[in-house]
Each structure stands twice: as C-alpha cells, then as structure tokens.
Amino acid sequence: MTVSHTSNTEHRGGGKSGKRGLDVRSGKTNSQSSLLSHRETLHTQHSNMGDQKMRHELVNGLNGNLLGITELIRKSLEATKFAYCPYSKFRVGAALLTHDGTIFTGCNVENACFNLGICAERTAISKAVSEGYRDFKAIAIASDLCEHFISPCGGCRQFMREFGANWDVYLTKPDGSFVEMTVEELLPASFGPDDLRMKKVNIRNEF
C-alpha cells in the first residue's frame, strides 16, 4: 500500500463544431465563410487530437507517474457534486477508468426506501457495463471526508470483484491525496465468478 499526495491538475479537451456554408446574415463573402469554416474545422480536429492524447496520457500515467491518477481523482471529486443524498448527507463520487482511456463517473443515489439506494462505485461500474465494458484499469473514490480516506463498503468491494481482483482502487481525500490499493487487497480471499465454475460434489437434487 502506498500513500501519495497530488495537486489537482485539470486537463481540458473538446471543442465546438465547425460551421459550414454561407452566412448571408453576417455579410461574409463565400471566400471568408470558407476560410472561417476551414479554421474552425482545423480547431475541431486539433481538439479531438487533444482528447485522444489526454486519454493516452491518462492510461499511461497510471503506469508510471501521477498525471493519470490526478485526472482520475479530479473526475471522482467532480462526481460528488451530483450526489443525491438527502438522508445521509454523505456525498460520494467515483471515476472508473477503462483500458482504452474512457472514464465513467458515478455518484451515490439514495432512496426513501433506504435499501434501494445505490453507491457511487456501483453507479459508475453499471454505466460502463451498460455500454459494453467488462475490464477495468482503475477506479477513484471521493467524498467530503477531510481526515480519513474514503473506503468502499463491503457490497461495492464485491461488486468490483465481479470484474477482476487485480485492478487499482484509489481511496482519496478532498485535497487530492490518496491511498492506492487493489481490489484483492480490499477483499482478500474473495468469492468471484471463477468459484462458480469449480468442481463440486454431486448431490441429489431435492428441490
């Protein structure tokens, strides 16, 4: 287990779509409108390249430096802003990183029927699974606790274990500091999908 301290570094990507065609109301000539469209198209292409570069750095950053970790933690902290927690008043956010650099965020969503609430970690994982992802690289978890690193509940640990035991979990504080663990460290001697495929004794079906 290692403890590190990071500063919140924000990376921005994206851009606006290029406008096409003649803008009669603006009074621009065909050549001016064409030049404007070309410039905006180049800007959009450059922004898209920036998005791809950021995703590449994010994945590689988790392997060798703090860049990717910092970005993932920042996303998890942002996700706490959307928490629906009128009963506990305990905000939690999560940011889940896939192997291709895609990030899925989640927050806790409570319910008046308390046991129907869902944790931030399960929200993020469910979003990813619903879009076809099954293998994950890391997840960062954030809350408003300033003196303790937020830790996933037992149910979330088992939920993460469903998708592998050897991926990273970052337990964080609002200042960006974190503890790095693996799912296996959080849930040792765990039960998972492979256990269901193990050899069992033959018993008579009495049901």
N, C-alpha and C. Protein backbone atom coordinates (compact mmCIF):
# COMPACT_ATOMS: atom_id res chain seq x y z
N MET A 1 0.85 -1.19 0.00
CA MET A 1 0.00 0.00 0.00
C MET A 1 0.89 1.23 0.00
N THR A 2 0.62 2.21 -0.84
CA THR A 2 1.41 3.42 -0.88
C THR A 2 0.52 4.62 -0.72
N VAL A 3 1.04 5.65 -0.07
CA VAL A 3 0.31 6.89 0.11
C VAL A 3 1.04 7.97 -0.65
N SER A 4 0.33 8.72 -1.48
CA SER A 4 0.94 9.78 -2.24
C SER A 4 0.10 11.02 -2.12
N HIS A 5 0.69 12.17 -2.42
CA HIS A 5 -0.03 13.43 -2.39
C HIS A 5 0.06 14.06 -3.75
N THR A 6 -1.06 14.53 -4.26
CA THR A 6 -1.08 15.11 -5.59
C THR A 6 -1.76 16.46 -5.53
N SER A 7 -1.53 17.27 -6.53
CA SER A 7 -2.26 18.51 -6.68
C SER A 7 -3.26 18.33 -7.79
N ASN A 8 -4.38 19.04 -7.70
CA ASN A 8 -5.43 18.89 -8.71
C ASN A 8 -5.02 19.60 -9.99
N THR A 9 -4.70 18.86 -11.02
CA THR A 9 -4.34 19.40 -12.32
C THR A 9 -5.46 19.10 -13.30
N GLU A 10 -5.97 20.14 -13.94
CA GLU A 10 -7.12 19.96 -14.82
C GLU A 10 -6.67 19.91 -16.27
N HIS A 11 -7.18 18.92 -16.98
CA HIS A 11 -6.92 18.81 -18.41
C HIS A 11 -8.25 19.01 -19.13
N ARG A 12 -8.22 19.82 -20.10
CA ARG A 12 -9.47 20.07 -20.83
C ARG A 12 -9.29 19.67 -22.28
N GLY A 13 -10.36 19.14 -22.84
CA GLY A 13 -10.36 18.78 -24.25
C GLY A 13 -11.68 19.19 -24.86
N GLY A 14 -11.87 18.83 -26.13
CA GLY A 14 -13.15 19.11 -26.76
C GLY A 14 -13.09 20.43 -27.50
N GLY A 15 -14.13 20.74 -28.23
CA GLY A 15 -14.21 21.98 -28.98
C GLY A 15 -15.54 22.11 -29.62
N LYS A 16 -15.75 23.19 -30.35
CA LYS A 16 -17.05 23.40 -30.99
C LYS A 16 -17.01 22.92 -32.43
N SER A 17 -18.12 22.53 -32.93
CA SER A 17 -18.20 22.01 -34.29
C SER A 17 -18.03 23.15 -35.28
N GLY A 18 -17.39 22.85 -36.39
CA GLY A 18 -17.19 23.85 -37.42
C GLY A 18 -18.49 24.18 -38.15
N LYS A 19 -18.69 25.47 -38.48
CA LYS A 19 -19.88 25.90 -39.22
C LYS A 19 -19.58 25.76 -40.71
N ARG A 20 -20.60 25.38 -41.47
CA ARG A 20 -20.39 25.19 -42.90
C ARG A 20 -21.43 25.99 -43.67
N GLY A 21 -21.04 26.39 -44.91
CA GLY A 21 -21.97 27.10 -45.77
C GLY A 21 -21.82 28.60 -45.66
N LEU A 22 -22.57 29.32 -46.43
CA LEU A 22 -22.52 30.77 -46.49
C LEU A 22 -23.44 31.37 -45.45
N ASP A 23 -22.90 32.31 -44.68
CA ASP A 23 -23.69 33.02 -43.69
C ASP A 23 -24.12 34.34 -44.29
N VAL A 24 -25.29 34.37 -44.89
CA VAL A 24 -25.76 35.57 -45.58
C VAL A 24 -25.98 36.70 -44.61
N ARG A 25 -26.55 36.40 -43.44
CA ARG A 25 -26.90 37.44 -42.48
C ARG A 25 -25.66 38.15 -41.95
N SER A 26 -24.50 37.47 -41.92
CA SER A 26 -23.29 38.10 -41.39
C SER A 26 -22.61 39.01 -42.40
N GLY A 27 -23.00 38.88 -43.67
CA GLY A 27 -22.40 39.70 -44.70
C GLY A 27 -21.06 39.20 -45.18
N LYS A 28 -20.66 37.99 -44.80
CA LYS A 28 -19.37 37.44 -45.20
C LYS A 28 -19.45 36.94 -46.64
N THR A 29 -18.35 37.08 -47.35
CA THR A 29 -18.28 36.56 -48.71
C THR A 29 -18.09 35.06 -48.65
N ASN A 30 -18.22 34.42 -49.82
CA ASN A 30 -18.02 32.98 -49.90
C ASN A 30 -16.62 32.60 -49.43
N SER A 31 -15.60 33.36 -49.87
CA SER A 31 -14.22 33.03 -49.50
C SER A 31 -14.00 33.21 -48.01
N GLN A 32 -14.59 34.27 -47.42
CA GLN A 32 -14.44 34.50 -45.99
C GLN A 32 -15.11 33.39 -45.18
N SER A 33 -16.31 33.01 -45.61
CA SER A 33 -17.03 31.95 -44.91
C SER A 33 -16.28 30.63 -45.04
N SER A 34 -15.71 30.39 -46.23
CA SER A 34 -14.96 29.16 -46.45
C SER A 34 -13.73 29.11 -45.54
N LEU A 35 -13.03 30.27 -45.43
CA LEU A 35 -11.84 30.34 -44.58
C LEU A 35 -12.21 30.12 -43.12
N LEU A 36 -13.33 30.74 -42.69
CA LEU A 36 -13.79 30.57 -41.32
C LEU A 36 -14.12 29.11 -41.03
N SER A 37 -14.82 28.48 -41.99
CA SER A 37 -15.18 27.07 -41.81
C SER A 37 -13.94 26.21 -41.73
N HIS A 38 -12.94 26.51 -42.58
CA HIS A 38 -11.70 25.73 -42.59
C HIS A 38 -10.97 25.86 -41.26
N ARG A 39 -10.90 27.09 -40.74
CA ARG A 39 -10.21 27.32 -39.48
C ARG A 39 -10.90 26.59 -38.32
N GLU A 40 -12.24 26.66 -38.31
CA GLU A 40 -12.97 26.00 -37.23
C GLU A 40 -12.87 24.48 -37.33
N THR A 41 -12.81 23.98 -38.59
CA THR A 41 -12.63 22.54 -38.77
C THR A 41 -11.28 22.10 -38.24
N LEU A 42 -10.22 22.89 -38.53
CA LEU A 42 -8.90 22.58 -38.01
C LEU A 42 -8.88 22.62 -36.49
N HIS A 43 -9.61 23.61 -35.94
CA HIS A 43 -9.68 23.72 -34.47
C HIS A 43 -10.34 22.49 -33.87
N THR A 44 -11.43 22.02 -34.51
CA THR A 44 -12.12 20.83 -34.03
C THR A 44 -11.22 19.61 -34.12
N GLN A 45 -10.50 19.45 -35.25
CA GLN A 45 -9.60 18.32 -35.40
C GLN A 45 -8.49 18.36 -34.37
N HIS A 46 -7.95 19.58 -34.11
CA HIS A 46 -6.90 19.72 -33.11
C HIS A 46 -7.43 19.35 -31.72
N SER A 47 -8.67 19.78 -31.41
CA SER A 47 -9.26 19.46 -30.12
C SER A 47 -9.48 17.97 -29.96
N ASN A 48 -9.94 17.32 -31.05
CA ASN A 48 -10.13 15.87 -30.99
C ASN A 48 -8.81 15.15 -30.76
N MET A 49 -7.74 15.65 -31.40
CA MET A 49 -6.42 15.07 -31.17
C MET A 49 -6.00 15.26 -29.72
N GLY A 50 -6.40 16.42 -29.14
CA GLY A 50 -6.09 16.67 -27.74
C GLY A 50 -6.81 15.69 -26.84
N ASP A 51 -8.08 15.37 -27.17
CA ASP A 51 -8.84 14.39 -26.39
C ASP A 51 -8.15 13.03 -26.41
N GLN A 52 -7.72 12.61 -27.62
CA GLN A 52 -7.06 11.31 -27.75
C GLN A 52 -5.74 11.28 -26.99
N LYS A 53 -5.00 12.39 -27.07
CA LYS A 53 -3.72 12.46 -26.35
C LYS A 53 -3.95 12.38 -24.86
N MET A 54 -4.99 13.10 -24.36
CA MET A 54 -5.27 13.10 -22.93
C MET A 54 -5.62 11.70 -22.46
N ARG A 55 -6.44 10.97 -23.26
CA ARG A 55 -6.81 9.61 -22.89
C ARG A 55 -5.60 8.70 -22.88
N HIS A 56 -4.68 8.90 -23.86
CA HIS A 56 -3.46 8.10 -23.92
C HIS A 56 -2.60 8.37 -22.70
N GLU A 57 -2.45 9.66 -22.34
CA GLU A 57 -1.65 10.02 -21.18
C GLU A 57 -2.28 9.52 -19.89
N LEU A 58 -3.60 9.50 -19.86
CA LEU A 58 -4.30 9.05 -18.66
C LEU A 58 -4.01 7.57 -18.40
N VAL A 59 -4.13 6.75 -19.45
CA VAL A 59 -3.86 5.32 -19.29
C VAL A 59 -2.40 5.08 -18.93
N ASN A 60 -1.49 5.74 -19.68
CA ASN A 60 -0.07 5.53 -19.42
C ASN A 60 0.36 6.16 -18.10
N GLY A 61 -0.33 7.22 -17.70
CA GLY A 61 0.03 7.91 -16.47
C GLY A 61 -0.12 7.02 -15.26
N LEU A 62 -1.09 6.13 -15.27
CA LEU A 62 -1.29 5.23 -14.15
C LEU A 62 -0.16 4.21 -14.05
N ASN A 63 0.57 4.04 -15.15
CA ASN A 63 1.66 3.07 -15.13
C ASN A 63 2.95 3.66 -14.59
N GLY A 64 3.16 4.97 -14.74
CA GLY A 64 4.46 5.49 -14.39
C GLY A 64 4.52 6.82 -13.68
N ASN A 65 3.45 7.60 -13.63
CA ASN A 65 3.51 8.89 -12.97
C ASN A 65 2.15 9.28 -12.43
N LEU A 66 2.07 10.49 -11.89
CA LEU A 66 0.86 10.92 -11.20
C LEU A 66 -0.16 11.62 -12.10
N LEU A 67 0.19 11.84 -13.37
CA LEU A 67 -0.71 12.58 -14.24
C LEU A 67 -2.06 11.91 -14.36
N GLY A 68 -2.05 10.61 -14.72
CA GLY A 68 -3.32 9.91 -14.89
C GLY A 68 -4.08 9.77 -13.60
N ILE A 69 -3.38 9.53 -12.50
CA ILE A 69 -4.04 9.38 -11.20
C ILE A 69 -4.72 10.68 -10.81
N THR A 70 -4.01 11.79 -11.00
CA THR A 70 -4.55 13.10 -10.65
C THR A 70 -5.83 13.39 -11.41
N GLU A 71 -5.83 13.09 -12.71
CA GLU A 71 -7.02 13.34 -13.53
C GLU A 71 -8.19 12.47 -13.09
N LEU A 72 -7.92 11.21 -12.78
CA LEU A 72 -8.98 10.31 -12.36
C LEU A 72 -9.56 10.76 -11.02
N ILE A 73 -8.72 11.17 -10.11
CA ILE A 73 -9.19 11.67 -8.81
C ILE A 73 -10.01 12.94 -8.99
N ARG A 74 -9.56 13.82 -9.88
CA ARG A 74 -10.32 15.05 -10.13
C ARG A 74 -11.72 14.74 -10.62
N LYS A 75 -11.83 13.74 -11.50
CA LYS A 75 -13.14 13.35 -12.01
C LYS A 75 -14.03 12.80 -10.89
N SER A 76 -13.44 12.04 -9.98
CA SER A 76 -14.23 11.48 -8.88
C SER A 76 -14.71 12.58 -7.95
N LEU A 77 -13.86 13.58 -7.71
CA LEU A 77 -14.26 14.71 -6.86
C LEU A 77 -15.39 15.50 -7.51
N GLU A 78 -15.31 15.68 -8.82
CA GLU A 78 -16.39 16.39 -9.54
C GLU A 78 -17.70 15.63 -9.43
N ALA A 79 -17.62 14.31 -9.44
CA ALA A 79 -18.84 13.49 -9.40
C ALA A 79 -19.59 13.64 -8.09
N THR A 80 -18.91 14.00 -7.01
CA THR A 80 -19.60 14.17 -5.73
C THR A 80 -20.64 15.29 -5.79
N LYS A 81 -20.45 16.24 -6.70
CA LYS A 81 -21.37 17.38 -6.81
C LYS A 81 -22.77 16.93 -7.22
N PHE A 82 -22.87 15.76 -7.85
CA PHE A 82 -24.16 15.30 -8.35
C PHE A 82 -24.82 14.27 -7.43
N ALA A 83 -24.20 14.01 -6.28
CA ALA A 83 -24.74 13.03 -5.36
C ALA A 83 -26.15 13.40 -4.91
N TYR A 84 -27.03 12.41 -4.89
CA TYR A 84 -28.39 12.60 -4.36
C TYR A 84 -28.43 11.89 -3.02
N CYS A 85 -28.24 12.66 -1.96
CA CYS A 85 -28.13 12.05 -0.63
C CYS A 85 -28.89 12.88 0.41
N PRO A 86 -30.20 13.05 0.24
CA PRO A 86 -30.96 13.87 1.18
C PRO A 86 -31.09 13.26 2.58
N TYR A 87 -30.78 11.98 2.72
CA TYR A 87 -30.98 11.31 4.01
C TYR A 87 -29.67 11.21 4.79
N SER A 88 -28.62 10.77 4.15
CA SER A 88 -27.33 10.63 4.85
C SER A 88 -26.51 11.92 4.84
N LYS A 89 -26.75 12.78 3.85
CA LYS A 89 -25.93 13.99 3.65
C LYS A 89 -24.46 13.63 3.44
N PHE A 90 -24.21 12.44 2.91
CA PHE A 90 -22.85 11.94 2.73
C PHE A 90 -22.60 11.75 1.24
N ARG A 91 -21.90 12.72 0.64
CA ARG A 91 -21.67 12.67 -0.80
C ARG A 91 -20.50 11.76 -1.14
N VAL A 92 -20.68 10.96 -2.18
CA VAL A 92 -19.61 10.10 -2.68
C VAL A 92 -19.59 10.19 -4.20
N GLY A 93 -18.38 10.22 -4.76
CA GLY A 93 -18.21 10.21 -6.20
C GLY A 93 -17.21 9.14 -6.60
N ALA A 94 -17.33 8.66 -7.81
CA ALA A 94 -16.40 7.64 -8.30
C ALA A 94 -16.10 7.93 -9.76
N ALA A 95 -14.88 7.60 -10.16
CA ALA A 95 -14.47 7.71 -11.56
C ALA A 95 -13.77 6.42 -11.95
N LEU A 96 -14.32 5.75 -12.94
CA LEU A 96 -13.86 4.43 -13.36
C LEU A 96 -13.13 4.54 -14.69
N LEU A 97 -11.92 4.01 -14.76
CA LEU A 97 -11.10 4.08 -15.96
C LEU A 97 -11.05 2.73 -16.66
N THR A 98 -11.37 2.73 -17.96
CA THR A 98 -11.27 1.52 -18.76
C THR A 98 -9.90 1.46 -19.41
N HIS A 99 -9.59 0.34 -20.05
CA HIS A 99 -8.27 0.16 -20.64
C HIS A 99 -8.05 1.01 -21.89
N ASP A 100 -9.13 1.53 -22.48
CA ASP A 100 -8.94 2.39 -23.66
C ASP A 100 -8.97 3.87 -23.30
N GLY A 101 -8.98 4.17 -21.99
CA GLY A 101 -8.92 5.56 -21.55
C GLY A 101 -10.26 6.21 -21.30
N THR A 102 -11.36 5.51 -21.52
CA THR A 102 -12.68 6.05 -21.25
C THR A 102 -12.93 6.10 -19.74
N ILE A 103 -13.54 7.19 -19.29
CA ILE A 103 -13.86 7.35 -17.87
C ILE A 103 -15.37 7.40 -17.69
N PHE A 104 -15.86 6.61 -16.76
CA PHE A 104 -17.27 6.64 -16.38
C PHE A 104 -17.34 7.13 -14.93
N THR A 105 -18.15 8.14 -14.69
CA THR A 105 -18.30 8.66 -13.34
C THR A 105 -19.63 8.22 -12.74
N GLY A 106 -19.69 8.26 -11.42
CA GLY A 106 -20.92 7.89 -10.73
C GLY A 106 -20.99 8.59 -9.38
N CYS A 107 -22.18 8.70 -8.85
CA CYS A 107 -22.39 9.26 -7.52
C CYS A 107 -23.39 8.39 -6.78
N ASN A 108 -23.47 8.57 -5.47
CA ASN A 108 -24.46 7.81 -4.71
C ASN A 108 -25.85 8.40 -4.93
N VAL A 109 -26.83 7.52 -5.06
CA VAL A 109 -28.22 7.92 -5.27
C VAL A 109 -29.07 7.22 -4.22
N GLU A 110 -29.57 8.00 -3.26
CA GLU A 110 -30.33 7.42 -2.16
C GLU A 110 -31.82 7.33 -2.49
N ASN A 111 -32.53 6.62 -1.63
CA ASN A 111 -33.96 6.40 -1.84
C ASN A 111 -34.66 6.40 -0.50
N ALA A 112 -35.91 6.85 -0.49
CA ALA A 112 -36.68 6.86 0.76
C ALA A 112 -36.81 5.46 1.33
N CYS A 113 -36.84 4.45 0.46
CA CYS A 113 -36.73 3.07 0.89
C CYS A 113 -35.23 2.77 0.93
N PHE A 114 -34.64 2.93 2.10
CA PHE A 114 -33.19 3.03 2.23
C PHE A 114 -32.40 1.96 1.48
N ASN A 115 -32.87 0.71 1.53
CA ASN A 115 -32.08 -0.36 0.92
C ASN A 115 -32.07 -0.31 -0.60
N LEU A 116 -32.83 0.59 -1.21
CA LEU A 116 -32.83 0.72 -2.67
C LEU A 116 -31.80 1.74 -3.17
N GLY A 117 -31.11 2.40 -2.26
CA GLY A 117 -30.07 3.34 -2.67
C GLY A 117 -28.92 2.61 -3.36
N ILE A 118 -28.17 3.34 -4.17
CA ILE A 118 -27.04 2.74 -4.88
C ILE A 118 -25.79 3.60 -4.66
N CYS A 119 -24.67 2.95 -4.45
CA CYS A 119 -23.41 3.63 -4.17
C CYS A 119 -22.78 4.19 -5.45
N ALA A 120 -21.87 5.13 -5.28
CA ALA A 120 -21.21 5.77 -6.42
C ALA A 120 -20.42 4.76 -7.25
N GLU A 121 -19.73 3.84 -6.57
CA GLU A 121 -18.91 2.87 -7.29
C GLU A 121 -19.77 1.98 -8.18
N ARG A 122 -20.90 1.54 -7.66
CA ARG A 122 -21.78 0.68 -8.44
C ARG A 122 -22.45 1.45 -9.57
N THR A 123 -22.72 2.73 -9.36
CA THR A 123 -23.29 3.55 -10.43
C THR A 123 -22.32 3.64 -11.60
N ALA A 124 -21.05 3.94 -11.30
CA ALA A 124 -20.04 4.08 -12.36
C ALA A 124 -19.82 2.76 -13.10
N ILE A 125 -19.71 1.67 -12.36
CA ILE A 125 -19.49 0.37 -12.98
C ILE A 125 -20.68 -0.04 -13.83
N SER A 126 -21.88 0.19 -13.32
CA SER A 126 -23.09 -0.17 -14.08
C SER A 126 -23.19 0.62 -15.37
N LYS A 127 -22.82 1.89 -15.34
CA LYS A 127 -22.81 2.70 -16.56
C LYS A 127 -21.85 2.12 -17.58
N ALA A 128 -20.66 1.72 -17.12
CA ALA A 128 -19.67 1.16 -18.03
C ALA A 128 -20.12 -0.16 -18.62
N VAL A 129 -20.65 -1.02 -17.78
CA VAL A 129 -21.11 -2.33 -18.25
C VAL A 129 -22.24 -2.18 -19.25
N SER A 130 -23.12 -1.21 -19.02
CA SER A 130 -24.25 -1.00 -19.93
C SER A 130 -23.81 -0.52 -21.30
N GLU A 131 -22.56 -0.07 -21.40
CA GLU A 131 -22.03 0.36 -22.70
C GLU A 131 -20.99 -0.62 -23.25
N GLY A 132 -20.96 -1.83 -22.67
CA GLY A 132 -20.16 -2.89 -23.26
C GLY A 132 -18.80 -3.15 -22.63
N TYR A 133 -18.45 -2.43 -21.57
CA TYR A 133 -17.14 -2.62 -20.94
C TYR A 133 -17.23 -3.68 -19.85
N ARG A 134 -16.18 -4.49 -19.76
CA ARG A 134 -16.13 -5.54 -18.74
C ARG A 134 -14.81 -5.57 -17.97
N ASP A 135 -13.76 -4.99 -18.56
CA ASP A 135 -12.44 -4.99 -17.93
C ASP A 135 -12.05 -3.57 -17.58
N PHE A 136 -11.59 -3.37 -16.35
CA PHE A 136 -11.30 -2.03 -15.89
C PHE A 136 -9.86 -1.91 -15.38
N LYS A 137 -9.32 -0.71 -15.51
CA LYS A 137 -7.94 -0.45 -15.12
C LYS A 137 -7.86 0.11 -13.70
N ALA A 138 -8.77 1.04 -13.36
CA ALA A 138 -8.70 1.66 -12.04
C ALA A 138 -10.01 2.37 -11.73
N ILE A 139 -10.22 2.63 -10.44
CA ILE A 139 -11.35 3.44 -10.00
C ILE A 139 -10.88 4.34 -8.87
N ALA A 140 -11.29 5.59 -8.90
CA ALA A 140 -11.00 6.54 -7.83
C ALA A 140 -12.31 6.85 -7.11
N ILE A 141 -12.24 6.93 -5.79
CA ILE A 141 -13.42 7.17 -4.97
C ILE A 141 -13.19 8.42 -4.14
N ALA A 142 -14.17 9.31 -4.10
CA ALA A 142 -14.03 10.58 -3.39
C ALA A 142 -15.22 10.84 -2.49
N SER A 143 -14.98 11.63 -1.44
CA SER A 143 -16.06 12.04 -0.54
C SER A 143 -15.66 13.38 0.08
N ASP A 144 -16.44 13.84 1.05
CA ASP A 144 -16.13 15.09 1.74
C ASP A 144 -15.31 14.87 3.01
N LEU A 145 -14.96 13.63 3.30
CA LEU A 145 -14.14 13.35 4.49
C LEU A 145 -12.76 13.98 4.33
N CYS A 146 -12.36 14.83 5.27
CA CYS A 146 -11.08 15.51 5.13
C CYS A 146 -9.98 14.90 5.98
N GLU A 147 -10.33 14.07 6.96
CA GLU A 147 -9.32 13.48 7.84
C GLU A 147 -9.12 11.99 7.59
N HIS A 148 -9.97 11.40 6.78
CA HIS A 148 -9.88 9.97 6.50
C HIS A 148 -10.04 9.72 5.00
N PHE A 149 -9.35 8.71 4.50
CA PHE A 149 -9.52 8.31 3.12
C PHE A 149 -10.83 7.52 3.01
N ILE A 150 -11.65 7.89 2.02
CA ILE A 150 -12.92 7.21 1.82
C ILE A 150 -12.67 5.76 1.39
N SER A 151 -13.43 4.85 1.95
CA SER A 151 -13.26 3.44 1.64
C SER A 151 -14.58 2.86 1.14
N PRO A 152 -14.56 1.99 0.14
CA PRO A 152 -15.80 1.40 -0.38
C PRO A 152 -16.42 0.45 0.62
N CYS A 153 -17.73 0.38 0.62
CA CYS A 153 -18.44 -0.54 1.51
C CYS A 153 -18.22 -1.98 1.04
N GLY A 154 -18.62 -2.93 1.85
CA GLY A 154 -18.45 -4.34 1.51
C GLY A 154 -19.16 -4.72 0.23
N GLY A 155 -20.37 -4.19 0.04
CA GLY A 155 -21.12 -4.50 -1.17
C GLY A 155 -20.42 -4.02 -2.42
N CYS A 156 -19.81 -2.82 -2.36
CA CYS A 156 -19.10 -2.29 -3.52
C CYS A 156 -17.82 -3.06 -3.79
N ARG A 157 -17.18 -3.53 -2.72
CA ARG A 157 -15.97 -4.34 -2.92
C ARG A 157 -16.31 -5.62 -3.68
N GLN A 158 -17.41 -6.24 -3.30
CA GLN A 158 -17.83 -7.45 -4.01
C GLN A 158 -18.25 -7.14 -5.43
N PHE A 159 -18.88 -5.99 -5.63
CA PHE A 159 -19.31 -5.58 -6.97
C PHE A 159 -18.10 -5.36 -7.87
N MET A 160 -17.06 -4.73 -7.34
CA MET A 160 -15.82 -4.54 -8.10
C MET A 160 -15.14 -5.88 -8.39
N ARG A 161 -15.18 -6.77 -7.41
CA ARG A 161 -14.54 -8.08 -7.55
C ARG A 161 -15.13 -8.89 -8.70
N GLU A 162 -16.38 -8.66 -9.03
CA GLU A 162 -17.03 -9.36 -10.14
C GLU A 162 -16.25 -9.17 -11.44
N PHE A 163 -15.55 -8.05 -11.54
CA PHE A 163 -14.85 -7.72 -12.78
C PHE A 163 -13.33 -7.81 -12.62
N GLY A 164 -12.90 -8.66 -11.70
CA GLY A 164 -11.46 -8.90 -11.53
C GLY A 164 -10.97 -8.47 -10.17
N ALA A 165 -9.87 -9.08 -9.75
CA ALA A 165 -9.31 -8.79 -8.43
C ALA A 165 -8.05 -7.94 -8.51
N ASN A 166 -7.43 -7.89 -9.68
CA ASN A 166 -6.13 -7.23 -9.80
C ASN A 166 -6.21 -5.92 -10.58
N TRP A 167 -7.10 -5.03 -10.16
CA TRP A 167 -7.09 -3.68 -10.71
C TRP A 167 -7.09 -2.68 -9.56
N ASP A 168 -6.72 -1.44 -9.86
CA ASP A 168 -6.39 -0.47 -8.82
C ASP A 168 -7.60 0.31 -8.31
N VAL A 169 -7.54 0.61 -7.02
CA VAL A 169 -8.57 1.41 -6.36
C VAL A 169 -7.86 2.54 -5.62
N TYR A 170 -8.26 3.78 -5.88
CA TYR A 170 -7.66 4.93 -5.23
C TYR A 170 -8.65 5.52 -4.22
N LEU A 171 -8.28 5.43 -2.94
CA LEU A 171 -9.08 5.98 -1.86
C LEU A 171 -8.56 7.38 -1.58
N THR A 172 -9.42 8.38 -1.66
CA THR A 172 -8.92 9.76 -1.69
C THR A 172 -9.48 10.63 -0.57
N LYS A 173 -8.88 11.82 -0.48
CA LYS A 173 -9.37 12.92 0.34
C LYS A 173 -9.63 14.10 -0.58
N PRO A 174 -10.41 15.09 -0.13
CA PRO A 174 -10.71 16.24 -0.99
C PRO A 174 -9.49 17.04 -1.43
N ASP A 175 -8.36 16.93 -0.72
CA ASP A 175 -7.16 17.66 -1.11
C ASP A 175 -6.38 16.95 -2.21
N GLY A 176 -6.87 15.79 -2.67
CA GLY A 176 -6.21 15.07 -3.75
C GLY A 176 -5.25 13.99 -3.31
N SER A 177 -4.97 13.90 -2.02
CA SER A 177 -4.11 12.83 -1.53
C SER A 177 -4.86 11.51 -1.62
N PHE A 178 -4.12 10.42 -1.68
CA PHE A 178 -4.79 9.14 -1.89
C PHE A 178 -3.98 7.97 -1.35
N VAL A 179 -4.68 6.86 -1.17
CA VAL A 179 -4.07 5.57 -0.87
C VAL A 179 -4.40 4.66 -2.05
N GLU A 180 -3.39 3.98 -2.57
CA GLU A 180 -3.59 3.07 -3.70
C GLU A 180 -3.64 1.63 -3.19
N MET A 181 -4.68 0.92 -3.56
CA MET A 181 -4.84 -0.48 -3.21
C MET A 181 -5.35 -1.22 -4.44
N THR A 182 -5.43 -2.52 -4.35
CA THR A 182 -6.06 -3.31 -5.39
C THR A 182 -7.38 -3.86 -4.85
N VAL A 183 -8.23 -4.33 -5.75
CA VAL A 183 -9.47 -4.95 -5.32
C VAL A 183 -9.17 -6.14 -4.42
N GLU A 184 -8.15 -6.90 -4.76
CA GLU A 184 -7.80 -8.07 -3.96
C GLU A 184 -7.38 -7.69 -2.55
N GLU A 185 -6.68 -6.58 -2.41
CA GLU A 185 -6.29 -6.12 -1.08
C GLU A 185 -7.50 -5.66 -0.27
N LEU A 186 -8.46 -5.08 -0.95
CA LEU A 186 -9.67 -4.63 -0.27
C LEU A 186 -10.59 -5.78 0.11
N LEU A 187 -10.52 -6.87 -0.67
CA LEU A 187 -11.40 -8.01 -0.44
C LEU A 187 -10.59 -9.30 -0.58
N PRO A 188 -9.76 -9.61 0.42
CA PRO A 188 -8.93 -10.82 0.34
C PRO A 188 -9.77 -12.09 0.47
N ALA A 189 -9.23 -13.17 -0.07
CA ALA A 189 -9.92 -14.47 -0.02
C ALA A 189 -11.36 -14.33 -0.50
N SER A 190 -11.52 -13.65 -1.62
CA SER A 190 -12.85 -13.29 -2.10
C SER A 190 -13.52 -14.41 -2.88
N PHE A 191 -14.81 -14.23 -3.09
CA PHE A 191 -15.63 -15.13 -3.90
C PHE A 191 -15.94 -14.42 -5.21
N GLY A 192 -15.69 -15.10 -6.32
CA GLY A 192 -15.91 -14.47 -7.62
C GLY A 192 -16.46 -15.43 -8.65
N PRO A 193 -16.57 -14.99 -9.89
CA PRO A 193 -17.14 -15.82 -10.95
C PRO A 193 -16.46 -17.17 -11.13
N ASP A 194 -15.14 -17.21 -10.94
CA ASP A 194 -14.41 -18.47 -11.12
C ASP A 194 -14.83 -19.54 -10.12
N ASP A 195 -15.25 -19.10 -8.94
CA ASP A 195 -15.66 -20.07 -7.92
C ASP A 195 -16.88 -20.87 -8.35
N LEU A 196 -17.73 -20.26 -9.15
CA LEU A 196 -18.93 -20.95 -9.60
C LEU A 196 -18.62 -22.05 -10.60
N ARG A 197 -17.41 -21.99 -11.19
CA ARG A 197 -17.03 -22.99 -12.18
C ARG A 197 -16.15 -24.09 -11.59
N MET A 198 -15.87 -24.01 -10.30
CA MET A 198 -15.05 -25.04 -9.67
C MET A 198 -15.82 -26.33 -9.46
N LYS A 199 -15.08 -27.42 -9.35
CA LYS A 199 -15.69 -28.74 -9.18
C LYS A 199 -16.43 -28.83 -7.85
N LYS A 200 -17.62 -29.39 -7.90
CA LYS A 200 -18.45 -29.54 -6.70
C LYS A 200 -18.82 -31.02 -6.52
N VAL A 201 -19.16 -31.39 -5.30
CA VAL A 201 -19.61 -32.75 -5.07
C VAL A 201 -20.97 -32.95 -5.69
N ASN A 202 -21.26 -34.16 -6.10
CA ASN A 202 -22.57 -34.48 -6.67
C ASN A 202 -23.56 -34.73 -5.54
N ILE A 203 -24.66 -33.99 -5.57
CA ILE A 203 -25.70 -34.20 -4.57
C ILE A 203 -27.04 -34.41 -5.28
N ARG A 204 -27.91 -35.10 -4.60
CA ARG A 204 -29.23 -35.33 -5.17
C ARG A 204 -30.05 -34.06 -5.07
N ASN A 205 -30.69 -33.71 -6.18
CA ASN A 205 -31.49 -32.50 -6.20
C ASN A 205 -32.82 -32.75 -5.46
N GLU A 206 -32.97 -32.11 -4.33
CA GLU A 206 -34.17 -32.29 -3.52
C GLU A 206 -35.12 -31.11 -3.63
N PHE A 207 -34.88 -30.25 -4.58
CA PHE A 207 -35.70 -29.05 -4.69
C PHE A 207 -36.62 -29.14 -5.89
